[in-house]
């Protein structure tokens, strides 16, 4: 029996990566890890899975070299391996899916575009507006994710708190909201709510992981 050829060996490795991506829970776990390093316990709570199920999915991602681990006492902490490459891979997967999958297009139209049909602000556009001090950047992720990393000078108001913290948002100034990534519902909901209350608000084209992967400046720590 002949040994496997080099091309076939490469395709076999790529197929293992594709198989690791082939589950919605694992894609969601990668999105959460795109915000920063997390323990299994934290990922379990964020994804709404059992501890055993979360661990099993993480092991599959680790075997495909999509995530790495380190120990912190008794805890095992997970992070993205080759972070920028994994974020780029997920972004490419999303582009192909939006173009080719009818169900994705249906959801995009029925949910995402129904809440925000306007063109989002590009990273380049936001950089220019920040340079000219023309915009307030609103991060609607949970405080713990904001503390791991966020856009420069961003104001953190987690989505569940927006209604009771409206006074912190300037009504006469443009707002750009962002969250975990292009399919994170938090920024879509925030944009819809704020526009209904008279604010001038747009979404960033994707989220914090894509901003960081583009090599743009980030800050860490809680807001003042």
Protein backbone atom coordinates (compact mmCIF):
# COMPACT_ATOMS: atom_id res chain seq x y z
CA UNK A 1 0.00 0.00 0.00
CA UNK A 2 1.45 3.36 -1.03
CA UNK A 3 2.02 6.02 1.60
CA UNK A 4 -0.05 9.18 1.62
CA UNK A 5 1.27 11.91 -0.69
CA UNK A 6 2.25 15.40 0.50
CA UNK A 7 -0.81 17.07 -1.00
CA UNK A 8 -3.11 14.50 0.57
CA UNK A 9 -1.35 14.98 3.92
CA UNK A 10 -1.96 18.73 3.74
CA UNK A 11 -5.61 18.23 2.78
CA UNK A 12 -6.04 15.78 5.67
CA UNK A 13 -4.74 18.42 8.09
CA UNK A 14 -7.01 21.08 6.61
CA UNK A 15 -9.96 18.70 6.84
CA UNK A 16 -9.31 18.26 10.57
CA UNK A 17 -9.43 22.03 11.04
CA UNK A 18 -12.63 22.26 8.98
CA UNK A 19 -14.17 19.47 11.05
CA UNK A 20 -13.27 21.30 14.26
CA UNK A 21 -15.11 24.37 12.94
CA UNK A 22 -18.13 22.29 12.00
CA UNK A 23 -20.25 22.87 15.09
CA UNK A 24 -22.10 26.04 16.17
CA UNK A 25 -21.01 25.70 19.81
CA UNK A 26 -17.35 25.61 18.79
CA UNK A 27 -17.76 28.69 16.61
CA UNK A 28 -19.36 30.49 19.54
CA UNK A 29 -16.54 29.44 21.86
CA UNK A 30 -14.03 30.84 19.36
CA UNK A 31 -15.97 34.12 19.31
CA UNK A 32 -15.77 34.33 23.10
CA UNK A 33 -12.05 33.53 23.04
CA UNK A 34 -11.62 36.29 20.48
CA UNK A 35 -12.33 38.73 23.33
CA UNK A 36 -9.45 37.35 25.42
CA UNK A 37 -8.23 34.46 27.53
CA UNK A 38 -10.93 32.52 29.39
CA UNK A 39 -11.23 29.60 31.80
CA UNK A 40 -13.40 26.59 31.08
CA UNK A 41 -15.77 27.73 33.80
CA UNK A 42 -16.15 31.18 32.24
CA UNK A 43 -16.72 29.73 28.77
CA UNK A 44 -19.28 27.31 30.17
CA UNK A 45 -21.32 30.19 31.60
CA UNK A 46 -20.96 32.37 28.50
CA UNK A 47 -21.99 29.65 26.06
CA UNK A 48 -24.76 28.22 28.26
CA UNK A 49 -23.35 24.69 28.04
CA UNK A 50 -22.51 22.06 30.60
CA UNK A 51 -18.94 21.95 31.87
CA UNK A 52 -18.40 18.53 30.26
CA UNK A 53 -19.76 19.68 26.91
CA UNK A 54 -17.64 22.83 26.93
CA UNK A 55 -14.53 20.81 27.77
CA UNK A 56 -15.21 18.35 24.96
CA UNK A 57 -15.61 21.11 22.37
CA UNK A 58 -12.47 22.86 23.60
CA UNK A 59 -10.45 19.66 23.31
CA UNK A 60 -11.55 19.29 19.68
CA UNK A 61 -10.47 22.88 19.00
CA UNK A 62 -7.17 22.23 20.74
CA UNK A 63 -6.44 19.10 18.69
CA UNK A 64 -6.96 21.19 15.56
CA UNK A 65 -4.48 23.77 16.98
CA UNK A 66 -7.11 26.51 16.97
CA UNK A 67 -6.76 27.15 20.71
CA UNK A 68 -3.97 26.86 23.25
CA UNK A 69 -4.00 26.38 27.02
CA UNK A 70 -2.02 27.36 30.08
CA UNK A 71 -2.44 26.54 33.74
CA UNK A 72 -3.15 29.12 36.42
CA UNK A 73 -3.14 27.16 39.65
CA UNK A 74 -5.98 24.65 39.36
CA UNK A 75 -7.60 26.46 36.45
CA UNK A 76 -6.99 25.78 32.78
CA UNK A 77 -7.11 28.94 30.68
CA UNK A 78 -7.84 28.88 26.94
CA UNK A 79 -6.91 31.41 24.28
CA UNK A 80 -6.88 31.53 20.49
CA UNK A 81 -3.80 30.06 18.82
CA UNK A 82 -2.34 32.41 16.19
CA UNK A 83 -5.12 34.79 17.14
CA UNK A 84 -5.08 36.97 14.03
CA UNK A 85 -5.17 33.96 11.68
CA UNK A 86 -8.12 32.37 13.51
CA UNK A 87 -10.06 35.65 13.42
CA UNK A 88 -9.33 35.97 9.69
CA UNK A 89 -10.48 32.39 9.14
CA UNK A 90 -13.78 33.02 10.92
CA UNK A 91 -14.29 36.23 8.96
CA UNK A 92 -13.70 34.39 5.66
CA UNK A 93 -16.11 31.65 6.73
CA UNK A 94 -18.75 34.29 7.41
CA UNK A 95 -18.29 35.88 3.98
CA UNK A 96 -18.69 32.54 2.22
CA UNK A 97 -21.71 31.67 4.34
CA UNK A 98 -23.48 34.97 3.68
CA UNK A 99 -22.93 34.51 -0.04
CA UNK A 100 -23.82 30.83 -0.39
CA UNK A 101 -26.17 29.75 2.42
CA UNK A 102 -29.84 30.59 1.99
CA UNK A 103 -30.60 30.15 5.71
CA UNK A 104 -27.87 32.60 6.67
CA UNK A 105 -29.21 35.13 4.19
CA UNK A 106 -32.73 34.66 5.62
CA UNK A 107 -31.50 35.32 9.17
CA UNK A 108 -29.44 38.31 8.02
CA UNK A 109 -32.52 39.85 6.40
CA UNK A 110 -35.06 38.94 9.10
CA UNK A 111 -32.99 39.85 12.15
CA UNK A 112 -29.81 41.81 11.48
CA UNK A 113 -30.90 44.06 8.61
CA UNK A 114 -34.31 44.58 10.20
CA UNK A 115 -32.54 46.24 13.13
CA UNK A 116 -29.88 48.08 11.15
CA UNK A 117 -30.12 48.33 7.38
CA UNK A 118 -27.64 51.22 7.26
CA UNK A 119 -24.04 50.74 6.16
CA UNK A 120 -21.79 50.20 9.18
CA UNK A 121 -18.78 52.38 9.89
CA UNK A 122 -15.53 50.90 8.61
CA UNK A 123 -12.43 50.64 10.77
CA UNK A 124 -10.71 53.22 8.54
CA UNK A 125 -13.68 55.55 8.86
CA UNK A 126 -13.74 55.22 12.64
CA UNK A 127 -10.00 55.94 12.90
CA UNK A 128 -10.53 59.20 11.02
CA UNK A 129 -13.51 60.19 13.17
CA UNK A 130 -11.56 59.43 16.35
CA UNK A 131 -8.62 61.47 15.10
CA UNK A 132 -10.95 64.42 14.48
CA UNK A 133 -12.78 63.86 17.79
CA UNK A 134 -16.13 63.53 16.02
CA UNK A 135 -17.52 60.41 17.69
CA UNK A 136 -18.16 58.58 20.95
CA UNK A 137 -17.25 54.90 20.77
CA UNK A 138 -19.66 52.67 22.67
CA UNK A 139 -18.65 49.17 23.76
CA UNK A 140 -21.77 47.15 24.69
CA UNK A 141 -19.99 43.99 25.81
CA UNK A 142 -19.95 42.84 29.45
CA UNK A 143 -17.51 44.63 31.76
CA UNK A 144 -15.22 41.60 32.05
CA UNK A 145 -14.69 41.48 28.29
CA UNK A 146 -14.16 45.24 28.14
CA UNK A 147 -11.45 44.94 30.80
CA UNK A 148 -9.59 42.34 28.72
CA UNK A 149 -9.29 44.81 25.85
CA UNK A 150 -11.24 47.51 24.02
CA UNK A 151 -11.00 50.27 21.46
CA UNK A 152 -9.21 53.45 22.57
CA UNK A 153 -11.33 55.84 24.67
CA UNK A 154 -14.36 53.55 24.39
CA UNK A 155 -17.24 53.99 26.82
CA UNK A 156 -18.43 50.68 28.23
CA UNK A 157 -22.17 50.38 28.80
CA UNK A 158 -23.16 46.70 28.67
CA UNK A 159 -26.29 46.07 26.61
CA UNK A 160 -28.54 45.18 29.60
CA UNK A 161 -27.66 48.54 31.25
CA UNK A 162 -28.21 50.90 28.33
CA UNK A 163 -31.78 51.98 29.16
CA UNK A 164 -30.85 53.08 32.68
CA UNK A 165 -27.59 54.76 31.60
CA UNK A 166 -28.84 56.81 28.64
CA UNK A 167 -27.78 60.03 30.38
CA UNK A 168 -24.13 59.04 29.89
CA UNK A 169 -24.51 59.20 26.10
CA UNK A 170 -24.25 62.61 24.39
CA UNK A 171 -27.32 63.20 22.21
CA UNK A 172 -25.73 65.84 20.03
CA UNK A 173 -22.72 63.69 19.14
CA UNK A 174 -22.39 60.73 16.79
CA UNK A 175 -22.00 57.31 18.42
CA UNK A 176 -20.36 54.20 16.98
CA UNK A 177 -21.28 50.97 18.79
CA UNK A 178 -19.44 47.67 18.67
CA UNK A 179 -19.43 44.31 20.44
CA UNK A 180 -17.93 40.83 19.97
CA UNK A 181 -17.97 40.48 16.20
CA UNK A 182 -20.02 40.81 13.02
CA UNK A 183 -22.83 38.50 14.23
CA UNK A 184 -22.95 39.65 17.84
CA UNK A 185 -26.53 40.79 18.45
CA UNK A 186 -25.62 43.23 21.22
CA UNK A 187 -24.59 46.10 18.95
CA UNK A 188 -27.60 45.59 16.63
CA UNK A 189 -29.98 45.78 19.58
CA UNK A 190 -28.16 48.81 21.00
CA UNK A 191 -28.28 50.67 17.68
CA UNK A 192 -32.01 49.98 17.25
CA UNK A 193 -32.80 51.11 20.80
CA UNK A 194 -30.70 54.29 20.65
CA UNK A 195 -31.99 55.36 17.23
CA UNK A 196 -35.55 54.98 18.52
CA UNK A 197 -34.62 57.45 21.27
CA UNK A 198 -33.19 60.04 18.91
CA UNK A 199 -29.47 59.29 19.03
CA UNK A 200 -27.26 59.41 15.95
CA UNK A 201 -25.67 55.98 16.13
CA UNK A 202 -24.01 53.52 13.76
CA UNK A 203 -22.38 50.14 14.14
CA UNK A 204 -18.72 49.36 13.60
CA UNK A 205 -18.36 46.95 10.66
CA UNK A 206 -17.34 44.04 12.92
CA UNK A 207 -16.06 43.85 16.49
CA UNK A 208 -13.17 44.07 18.91
CA UNK A 209 -11.32 40.91 17.74
CA UNK A 210 -11.23 42.10 14.13
CA UNK A 211 -10.04 45.56 15.22
CA UNK A 212 -7.19 44.02 17.21
CA UNK A 213 -6.34 41.55 14.43
CA UNK A 214 -5.97 44.50 12.04
CA UNK A 215 -3.11 45.75 14.23
CA UNK A 216 -5.03 48.80 15.46
CA UNK A 217 -4.41 50.24 18.95
CA UNK A 218 -6.30 48.76 21.89
CA UNK A 219 -6.52 49.54 25.57
CA UNK A 220 -7.12 47.31 28.59
CA UNK A 221 -8.68 47.85 31.99
CA UNK A 222 -12.03 49.24 33.11
CA UNK A 223 -13.42 52.59 32.10
CA UNK A 224 -13.06 55.56 34.38
